[in-house]
N, C-alpha and C. Protein backbone atom coordinates (compact mmCIF):
# COMPACT_ATOMS: atom_id res chain seq x y z
N MET A 1 -10.51 -57.18 15.09
CA MET A 1 -10.81 -55.84 14.59
C MET A 1 -9.57 -54.96 14.69
N SER A 2 -9.23 -54.27 13.62
CA SER A 2 -8.04 -53.43 13.62
C SER A 2 -8.26 -52.21 14.49
N ALA A 3 -7.16 -51.69 15.05
CA ALA A 3 -7.23 -50.51 15.91
C ALA A 3 -7.65 -49.29 15.10
N LEU A 4 -8.40 -48.42 15.73
CA LEU A 4 -8.84 -47.20 15.07
C LEU A 4 -7.65 -46.27 14.89
N VAL A 5 -7.44 -45.79 13.68
CA VAL A 5 -6.34 -44.88 13.39
C VAL A 5 -6.83 -43.46 13.51
N ARG A 6 -6.21 -42.71 14.37
CA ARG A 6 -6.61 -41.32 14.54
C ARG A 6 -6.18 -40.48 13.35
N PRO A 7 -6.99 -39.51 12.93
CA PRO A 7 -6.57 -38.62 11.86
C PRO A 7 -5.40 -37.76 12.32
N ALA A 8 -4.63 -37.25 11.37
CA ALA A 8 -3.44 -36.46 11.70
C ALA A 8 -3.78 -35.26 12.57
N SER A 9 -4.98 -34.71 12.37
CA SER A 9 -5.37 -33.52 13.14
C SER A 9 -5.45 -33.79 14.63
N LEU A 10 -5.60 -35.08 15.01
CA LEU A 10 -5.68 -35.45 16.42
C LEU A 10 -4.37 -36.03 16.94
N ARG A 11 -3.41 -36.26 16.05
CA ARG A 11 -2.12 -36.77 16.48
C ARG A 11 -1.18 -35.60 16.77
N SER A 12 -0.16 -35.87 17.55
CA SER A 12 0.80 -34.82 17.88
C SER A 12 2.17 -35.17 17.31
N PRO A 13 2.82 -34.24 16.61
CA PRO A 13 4.14 -34.51 16.08
C PRO A 13 5.16 -34.61 17.21
N SER A 14 6.12 -35.48 17.05
CA SER A 14 7.18 -35.64 18.03
C SER A 14 8.46 -34.96 17.52
N LEU A 15 9.13 -34.26 18.41
CA LEU A 15 10.38 -33.61 18.01
C LEU A 15 11.38 -34.61 17.44
N ALA A 16 11.39 -35.79 18.01
CA ALA A 16 12.38 -36.79 17.62
C ALA A 16 12.16 -37.32 16.21
N SER A 17 10.95 -37.15 15.68
CA SER A 17 10.66 -37.72 14.36
C SER A 17 10.02 -36.70 13.42
N THR A 18 10.36 -35.43 13.61
CA THR A 18 9.83 -34.35 12.77
C THR A 18 10.95 -33.69 11.99
N ALA A 19 10.65 -33.31 10.76
CA ALA A 19 11.58 -32.54 9.93
C ALA A 19 10.86 -31.31 9.41
N PHE A 20 11.61 -30.23 9.23
CA PHE A 20 11.07 -29.02 8.63
C PHE A 20 11.44 -29.00 7.15
N PHE A 21 10.42 -28.80 6.30
CA PHE A 21 10.62 -28.76 4.85
C PHE A 21 10.54 -27.32 4.36
N VAL A 22 11.65 -26.82 3.83
CA VAL A 22 11.74 -25.44 3.33
C VAL A 22 11.68 -25.50 1.81
N CYS A 23 10.55 -25.09 1.24
CA CYS A 23 10.28 -25.32 -0.17
C CYS A 23 10.56 -24.11 -1.06
N ASP A 24 11.70 -24.13 -1.73
CA ASP A 24 11.98 -23.25 -2.88
C ASP A 24 11.82 -21.75 -2.61
N ILE A 25 12.32 -21.28 -1.48
CA ILE A 25 12.22 -19.83 -1.17
C ILE A 25 13.45 -19.16 -1.78
N GLN A 26 13.35 -18.87 -3.07
CA GLN A 26 14.51 -18.47 -3.87
C GLN A 26 14.43 -17.02 -4.35
N GLU A 27 15.59 -16.50 -4.67
CA GLU A 27 15.74 -15.08 -4.97
C GLU A 27 14.89 -14.61 -6.14
N ARG A 28 14.81 -15.40 -7.20
CA ARG A 28 14.10 -14.96 -8.40
C ARG A 28 12.60 -14.77 -8.14
N PHE A 29 12.09 -15.43 -7.10
CA PHE A 29 10.66 -15.31 -6.80
C PHE A 29 10.32 -14.05 -6.00
N ARG A 30 11.33 -13.36 -5.50
CA ARG A 30 11.11 -12.24 -4.58
C ARG A 30 10.08 -11.22 -5.09
N PRO A 31 10.20 -10.73 -6.32
CA PRO A 31 9.23 -9.72 -6.77
C PRO A 31 7.91 -10.30 -7.30
N LEU A 32 7.80 -11.62 -7.32
CA LEU A 32 6.66 -12.25 -7.97
C LEU A 32 5.62 -12.81 -7.01
N ILE A 33 6.06 -13.22 -5.84
CA ILE A 33 5.19 -13.93 -4.90
C ILE A 33 4.43 -12.96 -4.01
N HIS A 34 3.14 -13.22 -3.85
CA HIS A 34 2.32 -12.41 -2.95
C HIS A 34 2.88 -12.45 -1.53
N ASN A 35 3.13 -11.27 -0.98
CA ASN A 35 3.61 -11.13 0.40
C ASN A 35 4.86 -11.97 0.67
N PHE A 36 5.78 -11.92 -0.27
CA PHE A 36 7.02 -12.70 -0.14
C PHE A 36 7.78 -12.40 1.15
N PRO A 37 7.88 -11.14 1.60
CA PRO A 37 8.60 -10.87 2.85
C PRO A 37 8.04 -11.64 4.05
N SER A 38 6.74 -11.86 4.07
CA SER A 38 6.16 -12.61 5.19
C SER A 38 6.51 -14.09 5.12
N VAL A 39 6.58 -14.63 3.91
CA VAL A 39 7.02 -16.01 3.75
C VAL A 39 8.44 -16.17 4.28
N VAL A 40 9.29 -15.21 3.93
CA VAL A 40 10.68 -15.23 4.39
C VAL A 40 10.75 -15.08 5.91
N ALA A 41 9.95 -14.18 6.47
CA ALA A 41 9.97 -13.96 7.91
C ALA A 41 9.57 -15.21 8.68
N THR A 42 8.52 -15.88 8.21
CA THR A 42 8.08 -17.11 8.87
C THR A 42 9.14 -18.19 8.72
N ALA A 43 9.71 -18.31 7.55
CA ALA A 43 10.76 -19.30 7.32
C ALA A 43 11.96 -19.03 8.22
N HIS A 44 12.31 -17.76 8.35
CA HIS A 44 13.44 -17.40 9.22
C HIS A 44 13.18 -17.84 10.66
N LYS A 45 11.97 -17.59 11.16
CA LYS A 45 11.62 -18.00 12.51
C LYS A 45 11.72 -19.52 12.66
N MET A 46 11.20 -20.24 11.69
CA MET A 46 11.21 -21.70 11.78
C MET A 46 12.63 -22.27 11.68
N ILE A 47 13.46 -21.65 10.87
CA ILE A 47 14.84 -22.11 10.75
C ILE A 47 15.60 -21.86 12.05
N GLU A 48 15.36 -20.72 12.68
CA GLU A 48 15.98 -20.43 13.97
C GLU A 48 15.46 -21.41 15.02
N ALA A 49 14.18 -21.73 14.98
CA ALA A 49 13.62 -22.70 15.91
C ALA A 49 14.24 -24.08 15.69
N ALA A 50 14.47 -24.42 14.43
CA ALA A 50 15.09 -25.71 14.13
C ALA A 50 16.47 -25.83 14.75
N LYS A 51 17.21 -24.73 14.74
CA LYS A 51 18.53 -24.73 15.37
C LYS A 51 18.41 -24.98 16.87
N ILE A 52 17.45 -24.32 17.49
CA ILE A 52 17.25 -24.47 18.94
C ILE A 52 16.82 -25.90 19.29
N LEU A 53 15.91 -26.44 18.51
CA LEU A 53 15.30 -27.72 18.81
C LEU A 53 16.00 -28.92 18.17
N SER A 54 17.03 -28.63 17.36
CA SER A 54 17.76 -29.69 16.64
C SER A 54 16.84 -30.49 15.73
N VAL A 55 15.96 -29.77 15.05
CA VAL A 55 15.07 -30.39 14.06
C VAL A 55 15.77 -30.33 12.70
N PRO A 56 15.87 -31.43 11.98
CA PRO A 56 16.53 -31.39 10.68
C PRO A 56 15.76 -30.56 9.65
N LEU A 57 16.52 -29.80 8.88
CA LEU A 57 15.95 -28.98 7.81
C LEU A 57 16.17 -29.67 6.47
N ILE A 58 15.08 -29.82 5.72
CA ILE A 58 15.17 -30.31 4.36
C ILE A 58 14.90 -29.11 3.45
N VAL A 59 15.89 -28.69 2.69
CA VAL A 59 15.79 -27.49 1.85
C VAL A 59 15.94 -27.88 0.40
N THR A 60 15.02 -27.39 -0.43
CA THR A 60 15.15 -27.61 -1.87
C THR A 60 15.13 -26.28 -2.61
N GLU A 61 15.69 -26.34 -3.81
CA GLU A 61 15.72 -25.16 -4.69
C GLU A 61 15.33 -25.62 -6.09
N GLN A 62 14.30 -24.99 -6.62
CA GLN A 62 13.81 -25.35 -7.95
C GLN A 62 14.69 -24.72 -9.03
N HIS A 63 15.34 -25.57 -9.83
CA HIS A 63 16.18 -25.11 -10.94
C HIS A 63 17.00 -23.88 -10.53
N PRO A 64 17.91 -24.02 -9.56
CA PRO A 64 18.65 -22.86 -9.02
C PRO A 64 19.51 -22.11 -10.03
N LYS A 65 19.93 -22.79 -11.11
CA LYS A 65 20.72 -22.07 -12.12
C LYS A 65 19.91 -20.95 -12.76
N GLY A 66 18.61 -21.18 -12.87
CA GLY A 66 17.78 -20.16 -13.49
C GLY A 66 17.03 -19.30 -12.50
N LEU A 67 16.71 -19.88 -11.33
CA LEU A 67 15.86 -19.17 -10.37
C LEU A 67 16.61 -18.69 -9.13
N GLY A 68 17.91 -18.96 -9.08
CA GLY A 68 18.69 -18.50 -7.94
C GLY A 68 18.59 -19.45 -6.76
N HIS A 69 19.38 -19.13 -5.74
CA HIS A 69 19.42 -19.97 -4.56
C HIS A 69 18.48 -19.44 -3.48
N THR A 70 18.39 -20.16 -2.40
CA THR A 70 17.60 -19.73 -1.25
C THR A 70 18.03 -18.32 -0.85
N VAL A 71 17.05 -17.46 -0.53
CA VAL A 71 17.35 -16.06 -0.25
C VAL A 71 18.34 -15.92 0.89
N ALA A 72 19.14 -14.87 0.82
CA ALA A 72 20.24 -14.67 1.77
C ALA A 72 19.76 -14.48 3.20
N GLU A 73 18.53 -14.03 3.38
CA GLU A 73 18.02 -13.82 4.74
C GLU A 73 17.87 -15.12 5.52
N LEU A 74 17.82 -16.22 4.82
CA LEU A 74 17.62 -17.52 5.46
C LEU A 74 18.95 -18.26 5.58
N ASP A 75 19.34 -18.52 6.80
CA ASP A 75 20.59 -19.23 7.06
C ASP A 75 20.34 -20.73 7.02
N VAL A 76 20.58 -21.31 5.87
CA VAL A 76 20.36 -22.76 5.70
C VAL A 76 21.68 -23.52 5.63
N ALA A 77 22.75 -22.88 6.10
CA ALA A 77 24.06 -23.53 6.06
C ALA A 77 24.07 -24.81 6.88
N GLY A 78 23.26 -24.84 7.94
CA GLY A 78 23.23 -26.02 8.80
C GLY A 78 22.15 -27.01 8.44
N ALA A 79 21.54 -26.84 7.27
CA ALA A 79 20.46 -27.75 6.86
C ALA A 79 20.97 -29.18 6.72
N HIS A 80 20.12 -30.13 7.01
CA HIS A 80 20.50 -31.53 6.85
C HIS A 80 20.80 -31.82 5.39
N CYS A 81 20.03 -31.20 4.51
CA CYS A 81 20.33 -31.28 3.08
C CYS A 81 19.80 -30.04 2.38
N ARG A 82 20.44 -29.68 1.32
CA ARG A 82 20.03 -28.55 0.48
C ARG A 82 20.21 -29.01 -0.96
N LEU A 83 19.09 -29.33 -1.59
CA LEU A 83 19.16 -30.04 -2.86
C LEU A 83 18.49 -29.28 -4.00
N PRO A 84 19.13 -29.25 -5.17
CA PRO A 84 18.47 -28.69 -6.36
C PRO A 84 17.48 -29.71 -6.90
N LYS A 85 16.47 -29.23 -7.61
CA LYS A 85 15.50 -30.14 -8.20
C LYS A 85 14.88 -29.52 -9.44
N THR A 86 14.31 -30.38 -10.27
CA THR A 86 13.48 -29.91 -11.38
C THR A 86 12.04 -30.36 -11.17
N LYS A 87 11.87 -31.44 -10.43
CA LYS A 87 10.55 -31.91 -10.06
C LYS A 87 9.86 -30.86 -9.19
N PHE A 88 8.55 -30.68 -9.35
CA PHE A 88 7.86 -29.68 -8.53
C PHE A 88 7.84 -30.10 -7.07
N SER A 89 7.56 -31.35 -6.79
CA SER A 89 7.54 -31.83 -5.41
C SER A 89 8.94 -31.90 -4.83
N MET A 90 9.03 -31.64 -3.53
CA MET A 90 10.29 -31.81 -2.82
C MET A 90 10.63 -33.29 -2.64
N TRP A 91 9.65 -34.16 -2.85
CA TRP A 91 9.82 -35.58 -2.61
C TRP A 91 10.58 -36.23 -3.76
N THR A 92 11.83 -35.86 -3.90
CA THR A 92 12.71 -36.46 -4.90
C THR A 92 13.27 -37.76 -4.34
N PRO A 93 13.87 -38.59 -5.17
CA PRO A 93 14.48 -39.83 -4.64
C PRO A 93 15.48 -39.57 -3.52
N GLU A 94 16.25 -38.48 -3.65
CA GLU A 94 17.24 -38.16 -2.61
C GLU A 94 16.56 -37.81 -1.30
N VAL A 95 15.52 -36.98 -1.37
CA VAL A 95 14.80 -36.58 -0.16
C VAL A 95 14.08 -37.78 0.44
N GLU A 96 13.47 -38.60 -0.39
CA GLU A 96 12.78 -39.79 0.11
C GLU A 96 13.74 -40.69 0.88
N SER A 97 14.93 -40.89 0.35
CA SER A 97 15.91 -41.74 1.01
C SER A 97 16.33 -41.15 2.36
N ILE A 98 16.58 -39.85 2.36
CA ILE A 98 17.01 -39.18 3.60
C ILE A 98 15.92 -39.26 4.66
N VAL A 99 14.70 -38.97 4.26
CA VAL A 99 13.60 -38.89 5.22
C VAL A 99 13.19 -40.26 5.74
N THR A 100 13.11 -41.24 4.86
CA THR A 100 12.59 -42.55 5.28
C THR A 100 13.66 -43.48 5.83
N LYS A 101 14.87 -43.41 5.30
CA LYS A 101 15.91 -44.35 5.72
C LYS A 101 16.87 -43.78 6.76
N GLU A 102 17.20 -42.50 6.62
CA GLU A 102 18.17 -41.89 7.53
C GLU A 102 17.49 -41.25 8.73
N LEU A 103 16.58 -40.32 8.47
CA LEU A 103 15.92 -39.59 9.56
C LEU A 103 14.76 -40.38 10.17
N LYS A 104 14.13 -41.21 9.34
CA LYS A 104 12.93 -41.95 9.77
C LYS A 104 11.85 -41.00 10.32
N SER A 105 11.64 -39.93 9.58
CA SER A 105 10.67 -38.92 10.00
C SER A 105 9.25 -39.43 9.88
N LYS A 106 8.43 -39.07 10.84
CA LYS A 106 7.01 -39.41 10.83
C LYS A 106 6.14 -38.19 10.58
N SER A 107 6.72 -37.00 10.76
CA SER A 107 5.97 -35.75 10.58
C SER A 107 6.82 -34.74 9.82
N ALA A 108 6.15 -33.92 9.02
CA ALA A 108 6.84 -32.87 8.26
C ALA A 108 6.10 -31.55 8.45
N VAL A 109 6.85 -30.53 8.80
CA VAL A 109 6.32 -29.17 8.87
C VAL A 109 6.76 -28.48 7.59
N LEU A 110 5.78 -28.04 6.81
CA LEU A 110 6.04 -27.60 5.43
C LEU A 110 5.71 -26.12 5.24
N PHE A 111 6.65 -25.38 4.63
CA PHE A 111 6.43 -23.98 4.33
C PHE A 111 7.28 -23.58 3.13
N GLY A 112 6.83 -22.54 2.41
CA GLY A 112 7.54 -22.10 1.21
C GLY A 112 6.59 -21.77 0.08
N ILE A 113 7.06 -21.96 -1.15
CA ILE A 113 6.28 -21.55 -2.33
C ILE A 113 6.43 -22.59 -3.46
N GLU A 114 5.52 -22.56 -4.43
CA GLU A 114 4.24 -21.89 -4.36
C GLU A 114 3.22 -22.83 -3.75
N SER A 115 2.24 -22.26 -3.08
CA SER A 115 1.29 -23.07 -2.33
C SER A 115 0.56 -24.09 -3.19
N HIS A 116 0.20 -23.69 -4.41
CA HIS A 116 -0.63 -24.56 -5.26
C HIS A 116 0.18 -25.46 -6.18
N VAL A 117 1.48 -25.33 -6.17
CA VAL A 117 2.31 -26.16 -7.05
C VAL A 117 3.26 -27.02 -6.20
N CYS A 118 4.42 -26.48 -5.88
CA CYS A 118 5.43 -27.28 -5.19
C CYS A 118 5.01 -27.68 -3.78
N VAL A 119 4.38 -26.75 -3.06
CA VAL A 119 3.94 -27.09 -1.70
C VAL A 119 2.86 -28.16 -1.74
N THR A 120 1.88 -27.99 -2.63
CA THR A 120 0.81 -28.98 -2.74
C THR A 120 1.34 -30.35 -3.14
N GLN A 121 2.18 -30.40 -4.15
CA GLN A 121 2.68 -31.70 -4.61
C GLN A 121 3.57 -32.36 -3.56
N THR A 122 4.33 -31.55 -2.83
CA THR A 122 5.15 -32.10 -1.75
C THR A 122 4.27 -32.69 -0.66
N ALA A 123 3.27 -31.93 -0.24
CA ALA A 123 2.38 -32.40 0.83
C ALA A 123 1.68 -33.70 0.44
N LEU A 124 1.19 -33.77 -0.78
CA LEU A 124 0.50 -34.98 -1.23
C LEU A 124 1.44 -36.18 -1.27
N ASP A 125 2.67 -35.96 -1.72
CA ASP A 125 3.64 -37.06 -1.74
C ASP A 125 3.97 -37.53 -0.33
N LEU A 126 4.12 -36.61 0.58
CA LEU A 126 4.40 -36.98 1.98
C LEU A 126 3.25 -37.79 2.56
N LEU A 127 2.03 -37.32 2.32
CA LEU A 127 0.86 -38.03 2.83
C LEU A 127 0.77 -39.44 2.25
N ARG A 128 1.08 -39.57 0.97
CA ARG A 128 1.04 -40.89 0.33
C ARG A 128 2.06 -41.85 0.96
N ASN A 129 3.09 -41.27 1.55
CA ASN A 129 4.13 -42.08 2.18
C ASN A 129 3.96 -42.15 3.70
N ASP A 130 2.73 -41.91 4.14
CA ASP A 130 2.36 -42.07 5.55
C ASP A 130 3.13 -41.15 6.50
N ILE A 131 3.44 -39.97 6.01
CA ILE A 131 4.07 -38.95 6.85
C ILE A 131 3.04 -37.85 7.12
N ASP A 132 2.82 -37.55 8.39
CA ASP A 132 1.88 -36.49 8.75
C ASP A 132 2.43 -35.15 8.28
N VAL A 133 1.56 -34.33 7.72
CA VAL A 133 1.99 -33.05 7.15
C VAL A 133 1.30 -31.90 7.87
N TYR A 134 2.11 -30.94 8.29
CA TYR A 134 1.63 -29.72 8.93
C TYR A 134 2.04 -28.54 8.06
N VAL A 135 1.07 -27.96 7.38
CA VAL A 135 1.32 -26.85 6.47
C VAL A 135 1.12 -25.54 7.22
N LEU A 136 2.10 -24.65 7.16
CA LEU A 136 2.01 -23.38 7.87
C LEU A 136 1.26 -22.35 7.03
N ALA A 137 0.07 -21.99 7.50
CA ALA A 137 -0.74 -21.02 6.77
C ALA A 137 -0.06 -19.66 6.70
N ASP A 138 0.78 -19.35 7.68
CA ASP A 138 1.52 -18.08 7.66
C ASP A 138 2.90 -18.23 7.04
N GLY A 139 3.09 -19.32 6.29
CA GLY A 139 4.41 -19.55 5.69
C GLY A 139 4.37 -20.04 4.26
N VAL A 140 3.17 -19.98 3.63
CA VAL A 140 3.07 -20.39 2.22
C VAL A 140 2.37 -19.30 1.41
N SER A 141 2.74 -19.21 0.15
CA SER A 141 2.09 -18.23 -0.73
C SER A 141 2.29 -18.65 -2.18
N SER A 142 1.71 -17.84 -3.08
CA SER A 142 1.80 -18.07 -4.52
C SER A 142 1.90 -16.72 -5.22
N MET A 143 2.15 -16.75 -6.52
CA MET A 143 2.17 -15.50 -7.28
C MET A 143 0.80 -14.83 -7.21
N ASN A 144 -0.24 -15.61 -7.48
CA ASN A 144 -1.60 -15.11 -7.38
C ASN A 144 -2.17 -15.50 -6.02
N LYS A 145 -2.48 -14.52 -5.20
CA LYS A 145 -2.93 -14.83 -3.83
C LYS A 145 -4.20 -15.66 -3.81
N GLU A 146 -4.99 -15.58 -4.88
CA GLU A 146 -6.23 -16.35 -4.93
C GLU A 146 -5.99 -17.86 -4.99
N GLU A 147 -4.78 -18.25 -5.37
CA GLU A 147 -4.45 -19.68 -5.42
C GLU A 147 -4.31 -20.28 -4.02
N VAL A 148 -3.93 -19.44 -3.06
CA VAL A 148 -3.58 -19.95 -1.73
C VAL A 148 -4.75 -20.65 -1.04
N PRO A 149 -5.93 -20.02 -0.90
CA PRO A 149 -7.02 -20.72 -0.21
C PRO A 149 -7.48 -21.98 -0.93
N ILE A 150 -7.37 -22.00 -2.26
CA ILE A 150 -7.72 -23.20 -3.01
C ILE A 150 -6.77 -24.34 -2.64
N ALA A 151 -5.48 -24.02 -2.60
CA ALA A 151 -4.48 -25.03 -2.25
C ALA A 151 -4.65 -25.51 -0.81
N ILE A 152 -4.88 -24.57 0.10
CA ILE A 152 -5.05 -24.92 1.50
C ILE A 152 -6.25 -25.85 1.70
N GLN A 153 -7.34 -25.53 1.02
CA GLN A 153 -8.53 -26.36 1.14
C GLN A 153 -8.28 -27.76 0.59
N ARG A 154 -7.61 -27.82 -0.54
CA ARG A 154 -7.30 -29.13 -1.13
C ARG A 154 -6.44 -29.97 -0.19
N LEU A 155 -5.43 -29.35 0.40
CA LEU A 155 -4.53 -30.09 1.29
C LEU A 155 -5.23 -30.51 2.58
N LYS A 156 -6.10 -29.66 3.07
CA LYS A 156 -6.87 -30.02 4.25
C LYS A 156 -7.73 -31.24 3.98
N GLU A 157 -8.39 -31.24 2.82
CA GLU A 157 -9.25 -32.38 2.46
C GLU A 157 -8.43 -33.65 2.23
N ALA A 158 -7.17 -33.47 1.83
CA ALA A 158 -6.30 -34.63 1.58
C ALA A 158 -5.76 -35.23 2.88
N GLY A 159 -5.87 -34.47 3.97
CA GLY A 159 -5.41 -35.00 5.26
C GLY A 159 -4.29 -34.23 5.92
N ALA A 160 -3.83 -33.15 5.28
CA ALA A 160 -2.81 -32.32 5.91
C ALA A 160 -3.44 -31.48 7.01
N VAL A 161 -2.63 -31.15 8.01
CA VAL A 161 -3.07 -30.26 9.08
C VAL A 161 -2.63 -28.85 8.73
N ILE A 162 -3.58 -27.92 8.71
CA ILE A 162 -3.25 -26.53 8.44
C ILE A 162 -3.10 -25.83 9.78
N THR A 163 -1.94 -25.25 10.01
CA THR A 163 -1.65 -24.66 11.31
C THR A 163 -0.82 -23.40 11.12
N SER A 164 -0.31 -22.85 12.21
CA SER A 164 0.52 -21.65 12.13
C SER A 164 1.90 -21.95 12.72
N SER A 165 2.84 -21.08 12.43
CA SER A 165 4.21 -21.29 12.90
C SER A 165 4.28 -21.33 14.43
N GLU A 166 3.60 -20.40 15.07
CA GLU A 166 3.64 -20.36 16.54
C GLU A 166 2.95 -21.59 17.13
N SER A 167 1.82 -21.97 16.57
CA SER A 167 1.09 -23.12 17.08
C SER A 167 1.91 -24.40 17.01
N ILE A 168 2.56 -24.64 15.88
CA ILE A 168 3.31 -25.89 15.73
C ILE A 168 4.53 -25.92 16.64
N LEU A 169 5.16 -24.78 16.87
CA LEU A 169 6.32 -24.76 17.74
C LEU A 169 5.95 -25.15 19.16
N PHE A 170 4.86 -24.60 19.67
CA PHE A 170 4.45 -24.96 21.03
C PHE A 170 3.88 -26.37 21.08
N GLN A 171 3.31 -26.84 19.98
CA GLN A 171 2.84 -28.23 19.96
C GLN A 171 4.02 -29.19 20.03
N LEU A 172 5.10 -28.84 19.38
CA LEU A 172 6.30 -29.67 19.44
C LEU A 172 6.92 -29.68 20.84
N LEU A 173 6.82 -28.56 21.54
CA LEU A 173 7.37 -28.48 22.89
C LEU A 173 6.54 -29.27 23.89
N VAL A 174 5.22 -29.27 23.72
CA VAL A 174 4.26 -30.00 24.55
C VAL A 174 4.07 -29.36 25.93
N ASP A 175 5.20 -29.04 26.62
CA ASP A 175 5.14 -28.65 28.03
C ASP A 175 6.05 -27.45 28.27
N SER A 176 5.60 -26.54 29.14
CA SER A 176 6.43 -25.37 29.47
C SER A 176 7.67 -25.76 30.28
N ASN A 177 7.73 -27.01 30.72
CA ASN A 177 8.92 -27.49 31.41
C ASN A 177 10.00 -27.97 30.44
N HIS A 178 9.69 -27.93 29.15
CA HIS A 178 10.67 -28.37 28.15
C HIS A 178 11.94 -27.55 28.26
N THR A 179 13.06 -28.21 28.05
CA THR A 179 14.37 -27.56 28.16
C THR A 179 14.48 -26.31 27.30
N HIS A 180 13.86 -26.33 26.14
CA HIS A 180 13.99 -25.22 25.19
C HIS A 180 12.79 -24.28 25.18
N PHE A 181 11.92 -24.40 26.17
CA PHE A 181 10.74 -23.54 26.19
C PHE A 181 11.11 -22.06 26.23
N LYS A 182 12.04 -21.70 27.08
CA LYS A 182 12.41 -20.29 27.22
C LYS A 182 12.97 -19.73 25.92
N ALA A 183 13.82 -20.51 25.27
CA ALA A 183 14.43 -20.04 24.02
C ALA A 183 13.39 -19.87 22.93
N ILE A 184 12.47 -20.82 22.82
CA ILE A 184 11.41 -20.72 21.81
C ILE A 184 10.47 -19.59 22.16
N SER A 185 10.14 -19.43 23.43
CA SER A 185 9.27 -18.34 23.86
C SER A 185 9.88 -17.00 23.52
N ASN A 186 11.18 -16.87 23.72
CA ASN A 186 11.87 -15.62 23.39
C ASN A 186 11.86 -15.38 21.88
N LEU A 187 12.03 -16.45 21.11
CA LEU A 187 11.99 -16.32 19.65
C LEU A 187 10.62 -15.85 19.20
N VAL A 188 9.57 -16.41 19.78
CA VAL A 188 8.20 -16.00 19.45
C VAL A 188 7.98 -14.53 19.80
N LYS A 189 8.51 -14.11 20.93
CA LYS A 189 8.35 -12.71 21.34
C LYS A 189 9.07 -11.76 20.41
N THR A 190 10.29 -12.11 20.02
CA THR A 190 11.07 -11.21 19.17
C THR A 190 10.55 -11.15 17.74
N THR A 191 9.77 -12.15 17.36
CA THR A 191 9.22 -12.17 16.00
C THR A 191 7.72 -11.84 15.99
N LYS A 192 7.23 -11.31 17.09
CA LYS A 192 5.81 -11.04 17.24
C LYS A 192 5.25 -10.18 16.11
N ASP A 193 5.94 -9.10 15.78
CA ASP A 193 5.42 -8.17 14.77
C ASP A 193 5.39 -8.81 13.39
N SER A 194 6.46 -9.50 13.02
CA SER A 194 6.50 -10.14 11.70
C SER A 194 5.50 -11.28 11.61
N THR A 195 5.26 -11.96 12.73
CA THR A 195 4.26 -13.02 12.74
C THR A 195 2.87 -12.45 12.54
N ALA A 196 2.58 -11.34 13.22
CA ALA A 196 1.27 -10.70 13.06
C ALA A 196 1.05 -10.25 11.63
N SER A 197 2.12 -9.71 11.02
CA SER A 197 2.04 -9.27 9.64
C SER A 197 1.80 -10.44 8.69
N ALA A 198 2.49 -11.56 8.95
CA ALA A 198 2.33 -12.74 8.10
C ALA A 198 0.93 -13.32 8.22
N LEU A 199 0.42 -13.38 9.44
CA LEU A 199 -0.94 -13.90 9.63
C LEU A 199 -1.97 -13.04 8.91
N LYS A 200 -1.78 -11.74 9.01
CA LYS A 200 -2.71 -10.82 8.37
C LYS A 200 -2.60 -10.89 6.84
N GLY A 201 -1.38 -10.93 6.36
CA GLY A 201 -1.16 -10.87 4.91
C GLY A 201 -1.37 -12.17 4.18
N LEU A 202 -1.17 -13.30 4.88
CA LEU A 202 -1.20 -14.60 4.19
C LEU A 202 -2.42 -15.44 4.52
N THR A 203 -3.13 -15.13 5.59
CA THR A 203 -4.27 -15.97 5.97
C THR A 203 -5.61 -15.27 5.90
N SER A 204 -5.63 -14.01 5.52
CA SER A 204 -6.88 -13.25 5.54
C SER A 204 -7.96 -13.82 4.60
N SER A 205 -7.51 -14.50 3.56
CA SER A 205 -8.48 -15.03 2.59
C SER A 205 -8.84 -16.49 2.84
N LEU A 206 -8.28 -17.08 3.90
CA LEU A 206 -8.54 -18.51 4.16
C LEU A 206 -9.91 -18.68 4.81
């Protein structure tokens, strides 16, 4: 008899095999996306956390010649990769090679836009490739806010874990004795107001 496989919601991501996926947070979307500043604020926190925890950042930009590059507020200079794409999903051949062959990631923390298009297609592709997906409810949005709960529900049913930025960071740490607990705790404290705003603005309809 084969061993029982636990659902992703009961598994814990490991720092050593987790990557953060930053999906298409680009300048041209700024005036179009519901609560865009909160998406940026959450992404900023996660990118800073990635620096502290040495988690690789996978950054994509949808058709950057027409839609611009990742917004200036986000320091992605140290990203493991920053790739242009035309495909809606972040799971391009280049990203697949990096994630499966180089990083050997088992978990992906996903945030960005739009929730019902690029985020959804990315999450589904990751799941199909046996990578656990953690979607940040306080880090995804769409032009029409009504699309967000539909996308979240679909991804939850597909097997993605819907969580928050603060929750996933402490889940990755596991223990308050972790070397980087103090630094992450301080980051959470300094971003308390923007986190509260993102939770209120992006998850109220979930």
